[in-house]
Amino acid sequence: MIRIDAIWLPTEPLDMRAGAHTILAHVVKVFGSARPHHAYLFATRHSTRMKVPVYDGFGIWLAARRLSKGHFVWASGHSEIAETLNLEQLRALMIGLP
């Protein structure tokens, strides 16, 4: 089981061709550092694909999800970082609730 203590939602879209190390570099650029046991949810501009890197202190776990219909209801705004999410908000995001 992967331990996740906090979930962060960057509002800036990410190119999904990026691999784990490129995404980790983007996490460091946006958040200043990659904290162990924190998940960072990135989506494309159209919010149809998501990648979630989790740094566990030793390496990177990377999950990906692609929707065949619809899109994720994603935060939008001018800042690059939204509030942290709780598990209920993460579940709602993953199944497409607003």
PDB file of N, CA and C in Angstrom:
ATOM      1  N   MET A   1       0.846  -1.179   0.000  1.00  0.00           N
ATOM      2  CA  MET A   1       0.000   0.000   0.000  1.00  0.00           C
ATOM      3  C   MET A   1       0.887   1.235   0.000  1.00  0.00           C
ATOM      4  N   ILE A   2       0.553   2.186  -0.827  1.00  0.00           N
ATOM      5  CA  ILE A   2       1.296   3.440  -0.898  1.00  0.00           C
ATOM      6  C   ILE A   2       0.700   4.409   0.117  1.00  0.00           C
ATOM      7  N   ARG A   3       1.528   4.928   0.994  1.00  0.00           N
ATOM      8  CA  ARG A   3       1.072   5.881   2.010  1.00  0.00           C
ATOM      9  C   ARG A   3       0.998   7.267   1.392  1.00  0.00           C
ATOM     10  N   ILE A   4      -0.146   7.932   1.559  1.00  0.00           N
ATOM     11  CA  ILE A   4      -0.338   9.297   1.067  1.00  0.00           C
ATOM     12  C   ILE A   4      -0.848  10.140   2.225  1.00  0.00           C
ATOM     13  N   ASP A   5      -0.040  11.138   2.617  1.00  0.00           N
ATOM     14  CA  ASP A   5      -0.406  12.017   3.724  1.00  0.00           C
ATOM     15  C   ASP A   5      -1.120  13.282   3.268  1.00  0.00           C
ATOM     16  N   ALA A   6      -0.826  13.739   2.054  1.00  0.00           N
ATOM     17  CA  ALA A   6      -1.447  14.959   1.540  1.00  0.00           C
ATOM     18  C   ALA A   6      -1.592  14.835   0.033  1.00  0.00           C
ATOM     19  N   ILE A   7      -2.626  15.483  -0.506  1.00  0.00           N
ATOM     20  CA  ILE A   7      -2.908  15.458  -1.936  1.00  0.00           C
ATOM     21  C   ILE A   7      -2.940  16.897  -2.421  1.00  0.00           C
ATOM     22  N   TRP A   8      -2.120  17.204  -3.410  1.00  0.00           N
ATOM     23  CA  TRP A   8      -2.012  18.562  -3.935  1.00  0.00           C
ATOM     24  C   TRP A   8      -2.569  18.604  -5.347  1.00  0.00           C
ATOM     25  N   LEU A   9      -3.234  19.701  -5.666  1.00  0.00           N
ATOM     26  CA  LEU A   9      -3.874  19.870  -6.964  1.00  0.00           C
ATOM     27  C   LEU A   9      -3.306  21.096  -7.675  1.00  0.00           C
ATOM     28  N   PRO A  10      -2.265  20.920  -8.499  1.00  0.00           N
ATOM     29  CA  PRO A  10      -1.779  22.057  -9.286  1.00  0.00           C
ATOM     30  C   PRO A  10      -2.809  22.386 -10.370  1.00  0.00           C
ATOM     31  N   THR A  11      -3.077  23.642 -10.611  1.00  0.00           N
ATOM     32  CA  THR A  11      -4.074  24.025 -11.609  1.00  0.00           C
ATOM     33  C   THR A  11      -3.472  24.179 -12.994  1.00  0.00           C
ATOM     34  N   GLU A  12      -2.164  24.243 -13.099  1.00  0.00           N
ATOM     35  CA  GLU A  12      -1.501  24.378 -14.392  1.00  0.00           C
ATOM     36  C   GLU A  12      -1.507  23.033 -15.121  1.00  0.00           C
ATOM     37  N   PRO A  13      -1.935  22.996 -16.410  1.00  0.00           N
ATOM     38  CA  PRO A  13      -1.959  21.718 -17.124  1.00  0.00           C
ATOM     39  C   PRO A  13      -0.551  21.176 -17.375  1.00  0.00           C
ATOM     40  N   LEU A  14      -0.473  19.866 -17.604  1.00  0.00           N
ATOM     41  CA  LEU A  14       0.805  19.192 -17.816  1.00  0.00           C
ATOM     42  C   LEU A  14       0.743  18.377 -19.093  1.00  0.00           C
ATOM     43  N   ASP A  15       1.832  18.344 -19.831  1.00  0.00           N
ATOM     44  CA  ASP A  15       1.959  17.515 -21.021  1.00  0.00           C
ATOM     45  C   ASP A  15       2.076  16.059 -20.564  1.00  0.00           C
ATOM     46  N   MET A  16       1.145  15.224 -20.961  1.00  0.00           N
ATOM     47  CA  MET A  16       1.102  13.842 -20.486  1.00  0.00           C
ATOM     48  C   MET A  16       2.170  12.951 -21.110  1.00  0.00           C
ATOM     49  N   ARG A  17       2.941  13.477 -22.049  1.00  0.00           N
ATOM     50  CA  ARG A  17       4.066  12.701 -22.576  1.00  0.00           C
ATOM     51  C   ARG A  17       5.214  12.659 -21.578  1.00  0.00           C
ATOM     52  N   ALA A  18       5.144  13.495 -20.568  1.00  0.00           N
ATOM     53  CA  ALA A  18       6.205  13.566 -19.563  1.00  0.00           C
ATOM     54  C   ALA A  18       6.267  12.276 -18.758  1.00  0.00           C
ATOM     55  N   GLY A  19       7.475  11.845 -18.477  1.00  0.00           N
ATOM     56  CA  GLY A  19       7.689  10.658 -17.652  1.00  0.00           C
ATOM     57  C   GLY A  19       7.794  11.028 -16.184  1.00  0.00           C
ATOM     58  N   ALA A  20       8.076  10.039 -15.367  1.00  0.00           N
ATOM     59  CA  ALA A  20       8.102  10.228 -13.920  1.00  0.00           C
ATOM     60  C   ALA A  20       9.119  11.271 -13.484  1.00  0.00           C
ATOM     61  N   HIS A  21      10.322  11.242 -14.060  1.00  0.00           N
ATOM     62  CA  HIS A  21      11.357  12.184 -13.623  1.00  0.00           C
ATOM     63  C   HIS A  21      11.063  13.610 -14.088  1.00  0.00           C
ATOM     64  N   THR A  22      10.476  13.756 -15.276  1.00  0.00           N
ATOM     65  CA  THR A  22      10.091  15.087 -15.751  1.00  0.00           C
ATOM     66  C   THR A  22       8.971  15.650 -14.893  1.00  0.00           C
ATOM     67  N   ILE A  23       8.026  14.807 -14.523  1.00  0.00           N
ATOM     68  CA  ILE A  23       6.928  15.258 -13.665  1.00  0.00           C
ATOM     69  C   ILE A  23       7.457  15.625 -12.285  1.00  0.00           C
ATOM     70  N   LEU A  24       8.392  14.831 -11.764  1.00  0.00           N
ATOM     71  CA  LEU A  24       8.991  15.153 -10.464  1.00  0.00           C
ATOM     72  C   LEU A  24       9.719  16.495 -10.525  1.00  0.00           C
ATOM     73  N   ALA A  25      10.408  16.775 -11.617  1.00  0.00           N
ATOM     74  CA  ALA A  25      11.070  18.073 -11.790  1.00  0.00           C
ATOM     75  C   ALA A  25      10.032  19.191 -11.822  1.00  0.00           C
ATOM     76  N   HIS A  26       8.878  18.941 -12.422  1.00  0.00           N
ATOM     77  CA  HIS A  26       7.807  19.942 -12.457  1.00  0.00           C
ATOM     78  C   HIS A  26       7.232  20.164 -11.056  1.00  0.00           C
ATOM     79  N   VAL A  27       7.110  19.100 -10.277  1.00  0.00           N
ATOM     80  CA  VAL A  27       6.648  19.221  -8.885  1.00  0.00           C
ATOM     81  C   VAL A  27       7.603  20.121  -8.101  1.00  0.00           C
ATOM     82  N   VAL A  28       8.903  19.894  -8.278  1.00  0.00           N
ATOM     83  CA  VAL A  28       9.903  20.706  -7.576  1.00  0.00           C
ATOM     84  C   VAL A  28       9.808  22.162  -8.024  1.00  0.00           C
ATOM     85  N   LYS A  29       9.589  22.388  -9.317  1.00  0.00           N
ATOM     86  CA  LYS A  29       9.460  23.757  -9.836  1.00  0.00           C
ATOM     87  C   LYS A  29       8.242  24.469  -9.245  1.00  0.00           C
ATOM     88  N   VAL A  30       7.101  23.785  -9.192  1.00  0.00           N
ATOM     89  CA  VAL A  30       5.856  24.407  -8.729  1.00  0.00           C
ATOM     90  C   VAL A  30       5.798  24.508  -7.207  1.00  0.00           C
ATOM     91  N   PHE A  31       6.189  23.433  -6.509  1.00  0.00           N
ATOM     92  CA  PHE A  31       6.011  23.366  -5.060  1.00  0.00           C
ATOM     93  C   PHE A  31       7.284  23.630  -4.257  1.00  0.00           C
ATOM     94  N   GLY A  32       8.425  23.725  -4.931  1.00  0.00           N
ATOM     95  CA  GLY A  32       9.678  23.970  -4.224  1.00  0.00           C
ATOM     96  C   GLY A  32      10.416  22.703  -3.869  1.00  0.00           C
ATOM     97  N   SER A  33       9.691  21.620  -3.615  1.00  0.00           N
ATOM     98  CA  SER A  33      10.299  20.314  -3.336  1.00  0.00           C
ATOM     99  C   SER A  33       9.206  19.252  -3.451  1.00  0.00           C
ATOM    100  N   ALA A  34       9.649  18.028  -3.591  1.00  0.00           N
ATOM    101  CA  ALA A  34       8.718  16.894  -3.580  1.00  0.00           C
ATOM    102  C   ALA A  34       8.747  16.306  -2.179  1.00  0.00           C
ATOM    103  N   ARG A  35       7.671  16.400  -1.474  1.00  0.00           N
ATOM    104  CA  ARG A  35       7.623  15.908  -0.097  1.00  0.00           C
ATOM    105  C   ARG A  35       7.273  14.422  -0.074  1.00  0.00           C
ATOM    106  N   PRO A  36       7.938  13.663   0.769  1.00  0.00           N
ATOM    107  CA  PRO A  36       7.610  12.242   0.861  1.00  0.00           C
ATOM    108  C   PRO A  36       6.158  12.018   1.280  1.00  0.00           C
ATOM    109  N   HIS A  37       5.538  11.064   0.631  1.00  0.00           N
ATOM    110  CA  HIS A  37       4.169  10.634   0.921  1.00  0.00           C
ATOM    111  C   HIS A  37       3.128  11.701   0.590  1.00  0.00           C
ATOM    112  N   HIS A  38       3.453  12.559  -0.367  1.00  0.00           N
ATOM    113  CA  HIS A  38       2.489  13.524  -0.885  1.00  0.00           C
ATOM    114  C   HIS A  38       2.197  13.165  -2.334  1.00  0.00           C
ATOM    115  N   ALA A  39       0.921  13.268  -2.732  1.00  0.00           N
ATOM    116  CA  ALA A  39       0.496  13.011  -4.102  1.00  0.00           C
ATOM    117  C   ALA A  39       0.225  14.346  -4.779  1.00  0.00           C
ATOM    118  N   TYR A  40       0.549  14.418  -6.060  1.00  0.00           N
ATOM    119  CA  TYR A  40       0.361  15.637  -6.850  1.00  0.00           C
ATOM    120  C   TYR A  40      -0.454  15.259  -8.080  1.00  0.00           C
ATOM    121  N   LEU A  41      -1.651  15.826  -8.228  1.00  0.00           N
ATOM    122  CA  LEU A  41      -2.537  15.466  -9.324  1.00  0.00           C
ATOM    123  C   LEU A  41      -2.378  16.459 -10.469  1.00  0.00           C
ATOM    124  N   PHE A  42      -1.941  15.970 -11.620  1.00  0.00           N
ATOM    125  CA  PHE A  42      -1.772  16.803 -12.808  1.00  0.00           C
ATOM    126  C   PHE A  42      -2.743  16.339 -13.878  1.00  0.00           C
ATOM    127  N   ALA A  43      -3.308  17.270 -14.625  1.00  0.00           N
ATOM    128  CA  ALA A  43      -4.217  16.938 -15.723  1.00  0.00           C
ATOM    129  C   ALA A  43      -3.775  17.670 -16.985  1.00  0.00           C
ATOM    130  N   THR A  44      -4.325  17.235 -18.110  1.00  0.00           N
ATOM    131  CA  THR A  44      -4.088  17.924 -19.376  1.00  0.00           C
ATOM    132  C   THR A  44      -4.948  19.181 -19.436  1.00  0.00           C
ATOM    133  N   ARG A  45      -4.724  19.961 -20.465  1.00  0.00           N
ATOM    134  CA  ARG A  45      -5.497  21.195 -20.634  1.00  0.00           C
ATOM    135  C   ARG A  45      -6.990  20.906 -20.777  1.00  0.00           C
ATOM    136  N   HIS A  46      -7.339  19.789 -21.424  1.00  0.00           N
ATOM    137  CA  HIS A  46      -8.746  19.438 -21.624  1.00  0.00           C
ATOM    138  C   HIS A  46      -9.306  18.588 -20.486  1.00  0.00           C
ATOM    139  N   SER A  47      -8.477  18.272 -19.510  1.00  0.00           N
ATOM    140  CA  SER A  47      -8.862  17.520 -18.304  1.00  0.00           C
ATOM    141  C   SER A  47      -9.443  16.141 -18.614  1.00  0.00           C
ATOM    142  N   THR A  48      -8.900  15.486 -19.640  1.00  0.00           N
ATOM    143  CA  THR A  48      -9.342  14.133 -19.958  1.00  0.00           C
ATOM    144  C   THR A  48      -8.340  13.084 -19.488  1.00  0.00           C
ATOM    145  N   ARG A  49      -7.154  13.507 -19.124  1.00  0.00           N
ATOM    146  CA  ARG A  49      -6.132  12.593 -18.627  1.00  0.00           C
ATOM    147  C   ARG A  49      -5.513  13.165 -17.368  1.00  0.00           C
ATOM    148  N   MET A  50      -5.082  12.263 -16.487  1.00  0.00           N
ATOM    149  CA  MET A  50      -4.488  12.669 -15.224  1.00  0.00           C
ATOM    150  C   MET A  50      -3.284  11.779 -14.927  1.00  0.00           C
ATOM    151  N   LYS A  51      -2.238  12.381 -14.362  1.00  0.00           N
ATOM    152  CA  LYS A  51      -1.110  11.625 -13.834  1.00  0.00           C
ATOM    153  C   LYS A  51      -0.900  12.045 -12.392  1.00  0.00           C
ATOM    154  N   VAL A  52      -0.595  11.053 -11.567  1.00  0.00           N
ATOM    155  CA  VAL A  52      -0.445  11.293 -10.138  1.00  0.00           C
ATOM    156  C   VAL A  52       0.883  10.707  -9.669  1.00  0.00           C
ATOM    157  N   PRO A  53       1.913  11.546  -9.527  1.00  0.00           N
ATOM    158  CA  PRO A  53       3.161  11.047  -8.941  1.00  0.00           C
ATOM    159  C   PRO A  53       3.098  11.112  -7.417  1.00  0.00           C
ATOM    160  N   VAL A  54       3.653  10.102  -6.782  1.00  0.00           N
ATOM    161  CA  VAL A  54       3.780  10.069  -5.326  1.00  0.00           C
ATOM    162  C   VAL A  54       5.236   9.753  -5.026  1.00  0.00           C
ATOM    163  N   TYR A  55       5.906  10.657  -4.332  1.00  0.00           N
ATOM    164  CA  TYR A  55       7.293  10.458  -3.939  1.00  0.00           C
ATOM    165  C   TYR A  55       7.284   9.844  -2.543  1.00  0.00           C
ATOM    166  N   ASP A  56       7.911   8.676  -2.400  1.00  0.00           N
ATOM    167  CA  ASP A  56       7.883   7.996  -1.103  1.00  0.00           C
ATOM    168  C   ASP A  56       9.182   8.145  -0.315  1.00  0.00           C
ATOM    169  N   GLY A  57      10.072   9.020  -0.772  1.00  0.00           N
ATOM    170  CA  GLY A  57      11.342   9.226  -0.093  1.00  0.00           C
ATOM    171  C   GLY A  57      12.471   8.415  -0.709  1.00  0.00           C
ATOM    172  N   PHE A  58      12.127   7.375  -1.453  1.00  0.00           N
ATOM    173  CA  PHE A  58      13.116   6.519  -2.101  1.00  0.00           C
ATOM    174  C   PHE A  58      12.994   6.545  -3.609  1.00  0.00           C
ATOM    175  N   GLY A  59      11.783   6.713  -4.107  1.00  0.00           N
ATOM    176  CA  GLY A  59      11.515   6.690  -5.535  1.00  0.00           C
ATOM    177  C   GLY A  59      10.155   7.287  -5.816  1.00  0.00           C
ATOM    178  N   ILE A  60       9.713   7.111  -7.047  1.00  0.00           N
ATOM    179  CA  ILE A  60       8.473   7.731  -7.500  1.00  0.00           C
ATOM    180  C   ILE A  60       7.484   6.648  -7.907  1.00  0.00           C
ATOM    181  N   TRP A  61       6.274   6.732  -7.391  1.00  0.00           N
ATOM    182  CA  TRP A  61       5.158   5.932  -7.869  1.00  0.00           C
ATOM    183  C   TRP A  61       4.385   6.836  -8.825  1.00  0.00           C
ATOM    184  N   LEU A  62       3.976   6.311  -9.969  1.00  0.00           N
ATOM    185  CA  LEU A  62       3.259   7.131 -10.942  1.00  0.00           C
ATOM    186  C   LEU A  62       2.016   6.399 -11.410  1.00  0.00           C
ATOM    187  N   ALA A  63       0.861   7.005 -11.180  1.00  0.00           N
ATOM    188  CA  ALA A  63      -0.414   6.451 -11.639  1.00  0.00           C
ATOM    189  C   ALA A  63      -0.940   7.342 -12.752  1.00  0.00           C
ATOM    190  N   ALA A  64      -1.654   6.752 -13.680  1.00  0.00           N
ATOM    191  CA  ALA A  64      -2.233   7.510 -14.792  1.00  0.00           C
ATOM    192  C   ALA A  64      -3.675   7.062 -14.993  1.00  0.00           C
ATOM    193  N   ARG A  65      -4.498   8.006 -15.430  1.00  0.00           N
ATOM    194  CA  ARG A  65      -5.895   7.693 -15.726  1.00  0.00           C
ATOM    195  C   ARG A  65      -6.304   8.483 -16.947  1.00  0.00           C
ATOM    196  N   ARG A  66      -6.984   7.811 -17.869  1.00  0.00           N
ATOM    197  CA  ARG A  66      -7.474   8.453 -19.085  1.00  0.00           C
ATOM    198  C   ARG A  66      -8.961   8.155 -19.207  1.00  0.00           C
ATOM    199  N   LEU A  67      -9.754   9.200 -19.414  1.00  0.00           N
ATOM    200  CA  LEU A  67     -11.198   9.029 -19.553  1.00  0.00           C
ATOM    201  C   LEU A  67     -11.553   8.854 -21.031  1.00  0.00           C
ATOM    202  N   SER A  68     -12.439   7.914 -21.323  1.00  0.00           N
ATOM    203  CA  SER A  68     -12.890   7.742 -22.707  1.00  0.00           C
ATOM    204  C   SER A  68     -14.074   8.659 -23.008  1.00  0.00           C
ATOM    205  N   LYS A  69     -14.799   9.077 -21.961  1.00  0.00           N
ATOM    206  CA  LYS A  69     -15.912  10.019 -22.118  1.00  0.00           C
ATOM    207  C   LYS A  69     -15.812  11.066 -21.031  1.00  0.00           C
ATOM    208  N   GLY A  70     -16.216  12.276 -21.349  1.00  0.00           N
ATOM    209  CA  GLY A  70     -16.246  13.341 -20.354  1.00  0.00           C
ATOM    210  C   GLY A  70     -14.870  13.848 -19.980  1.00  0.00           C
ATOM    211  N   HIS A  71     -14.806  14.555 -18.866  1.00  0.00           N
ATOM    212  CA  HIS A  71     -13.544  15.119 -18.389  1.00  0.00           C
ATOM    213  C   HIS A  71     -13.605  15.254 -16.867  1.00  0.00           C
ATOM    214  N   PHE A  72     -12.426  15.383 -16.288  1.00  0.00           N
ATOM    215  CA  PHE A  72     -12.343  15.624 -14.854  1.00  0.00           C
ATOM    216  C   PHE A  72     -12.768  17.060 -14.575  1.00  0.00           C
ATOM    217  N   VAL A  73     -13.467  17.276 -13.472  1.00  0.00           N
ATOM    218  CA  VAL A  73     -13.828  18.626 -13.049  1.00  0.00           C
ATOM    219  C   VAL A  73     -12.613  19.151 -12.302  1.00  0.00           C
ATOM    220  N   TRP A  74     -11.885  20.050 -12.941  1.00  0.00           N
ATOM    221  CA  TRP A  74     -10.584  20.472 -12.449  1.00  0.00           C
ATOM    222  C   TRP A  74     -10.629  21.899 -11.949  1.00  0.00           C
ATOM    223  N   ALA A  75      -9.775  22.192 -11.016  1.00  0.00           N
ATOM    224  CA  ALA A  75      -9.662  23.568 -10.517  1.00  0.00           C
ATOM    225  C   ALA A  75      -9.161  24.460 -11.637  1.00  0.00           C
ATOM    226  N   SER A  76      -9.663  25.655 -11.682  1.00  0.00           N
ATOM    227  CA  SER A  76      -9.165  26.614 -12.657  1.00  0.00           C
ATOM    228  C   SER A  76      -8.898  27.917 -11.931  1.00  0.00           C
ATOM    229  N   GLY A  77      -7.950  28.615 -12.409  1.00  0.00           N
ATOM    230  CA  GLY A  77      -7.607  29.872 -11.764  1.00  0.00           C
ATOM    231  C   GLY A  77      -6.261  30.344 -12.221  1.00  0.00           C
ATOM    232  N   HIS A  78      -5.849  31.436 -11.680  1.00  0.00           N
ATOM    233  CA  HIS A  78      -4.593  32.030 -12.089  1.00  0.00           C
ATOM    234  C   HIS A  78      -3.420  31.536 -11.263  1.00  0.00           C
ATOM    235  N   SER A  79      -3.683  30.975 -10.099  1.00  0.00           N
ATOM    236  CA  SER A  79      -2.578  30.468  -9.290  1.00  0.00           C
ATOM    237  C   SER A  79      -2.247  29.057  -9.736  1.00  0.00           C
ATOM    238  N   GLU A  80      -1.007  28.642  -9.510  1.00  0.00           N
ATOM    239  CA  GLU A  80      -0.573  27.315  -9.914  1.00  0.00           C
ATOM    240  C   GLU A  80      -0.943  26.256  -8.895  1.00  0.00           C
ATOM    241  N   ILE A  81      -1.238  26.655  -7.662  1.00  0.00           N
ATOM    242  CA  ILE A  81      -1.493  25.681  -6.607  1.00  0.00           C
ATOM    243  C   ILE A  81      -2.858  25.952  -5.990  1.00  0.00           C
ATOM    244  N   ALA A  82      -3.676  24.928  -5.931  1.00  0.00           N
ATOM    245  CA  ALA A  82      -4.953  25.036  -5.247  1.00  0.00           C
ATOM    246  C   ALA A  82      -4.778  24.467  -3.843  1.00  0.00           C
ATOM    247  N   GLU A  83      -5.838  24.467  -3.095  1.00  0.00           N
ATOM    248  CA  GLU A  83      -5.806  23.885  -1.749  1.00  0.00           C
ATOM    249  C   GLU A  83      -5.487  22.402  -1.834  1.00  0.00           C
ATOM    250  N   THR A  84      -5.065  21.860  -0.726  1.00  0.00           N
ATOM    251  CA  THR A  84      -4.884  20.413  -0.674  1.00  0.00           C
ATOM    252  C   THR A  84      -6.260  19.757  -0.683  1.00  0.00           C
ATOM    253  N   LEU A  85      -6.315  18.541  -1.147  1.00  0.00           N
ATOM    254  CA  LEU A  85      -7.566  17.796  -1.197  1.00  0.00           C
ATOM    255  C   LEU A  85      -7.604  16.769  -0.077  1.00  0.00           C
ATOM    256  N   ASN A  86      -8.805  16.448   0.375  1.00  0.00           N
ATOM    257  CA  ASN A  86      -8.943  15.326   1.300  1.00  0.00           C
ATOM    258  C   ASN A  86      -9.359  14.102   0.485  1.00  0.00           C
ATOM    259  N   LEU A  87      -9.464  12.948   1.126  1.00  0.00           N
ATOM    260  CA  LEU A  87      -9.766  11.715   0.387  1.00  0.00           C
ATOM    261  C   LEU A  87     -11.145  11.742  -0.268  1.00  0.00           C
ATOM    262  N   GLU A  88     -12.124  12.356   0.375  1.00  0.00           N
ATOM    263  CA  GLU A  88     -13.459  12.446  -0.227  1.00  0.00           C
ATOM    264  C   GLU A  88     -13.427  13.311  -1.483  1.00  0.00           C
ATOM    265  N   GLN A  89     -12.693  14.410  -1.444  1.00  0.00           N
ATOM    266  CA  GLN A  89     -12.580  15.265  -2.622  1.00  0.00           C
ATOM    267  C   GLN A  89     -11.851  14.530  -3.739  1.00  0.00           C
ATOM    268  N   LEU A  90     -10.845  13.751  -3.406  1.00  0.00           N
ATOM    269  CA  LEU A  90     -10.113  12.966  -4.407  1.00  0.00           C
ATOM    270  C   LEU A  90     -11.051  11.952  -5.047  1.00  0.00           C
ATOM    271  N   ARG A  91     -11.822  11.233  -4.249  1.00  0.00           N
ATOM    272  CA  ARG A  91     -12.765  10.261  -4.798  1.00  0.00           C
ATOM    273  C   ARG A  91     -13.781  10.933  -5.719  1.00  0.00           C
ATOM    274  N   ALA A  92     -14.293  12.095  -5.317  1.00  0.00           N
ATOM    275  CA  ALA A  92     -15.247  12.827  -6.157  1.00  0.00           C
ATOM    276  C   ALA A  92     -14.610  13.239  -7.478  1.00  0.00           C
ATOM    277  N   LEU A  93     -13.386  13.692  -7.423  1.00  0.00           N
ATOM    278  CA  LEU A  93     -12.668  14.090  -8.637  1.00  0.00           C
ATOM    279  C   LEU A  93     -12.476  12.890  -9.559  1.00  0.00           C
ATOM    280  N   MET A  94     -12.084  11.759  -8.988  1.00  0.00           N
ATOM    281  CA  MET A  94     -11.794  10.569  -9.797  1.00  0.00           C
ATOM    282  C   MET A  94     -13.028  10.004 -10.479  1.00  0.00           C
ATOM    283  N   ILE A  95     -14.217  10.144  -9.854  1.00  0.00           N
ATOM    284  CA  ILE A  95     -15.415   9.614 -10.485  1.00  0.00           C
ATOM    285  C   ILE A  95     -16.192  10.677 -11.270  1.00  0.00           C
ATOM    286  N   GLY A  96     -15.714  11.925 -11.246  1.00  0.00           N
ATOM    287  CA  GLY A  96     -16.293  12.965 -12.081  1.00  0.00           C
ATOM    288  C   GLY A  96     -17.342  13.830 -11.442  1.00  0.00           C
ATOM    289  N   LEU A  97     -17.435  13.821 -10.110  1.00  0.00           N
ATOM    290  CA  LEU A  97     -18.404  14.717  -9.468  1.00  0.00           C
ATOM    291  C   LEU A  97     -17.850  16.138  -9.443  1.00  0.00           C
ATOM    292  N   PRO A  98     -18.714  17.160  -9.489  1.00  0.00           N
ATOM    293  CA  PRO A  98     -18.227  18.544  -9.438  1.00  0.00           C
ATOM    294  C   PRO A  98     -17.686  18.906  -8.070  1.00  0.00           C
TER     295      PRO A  98
END
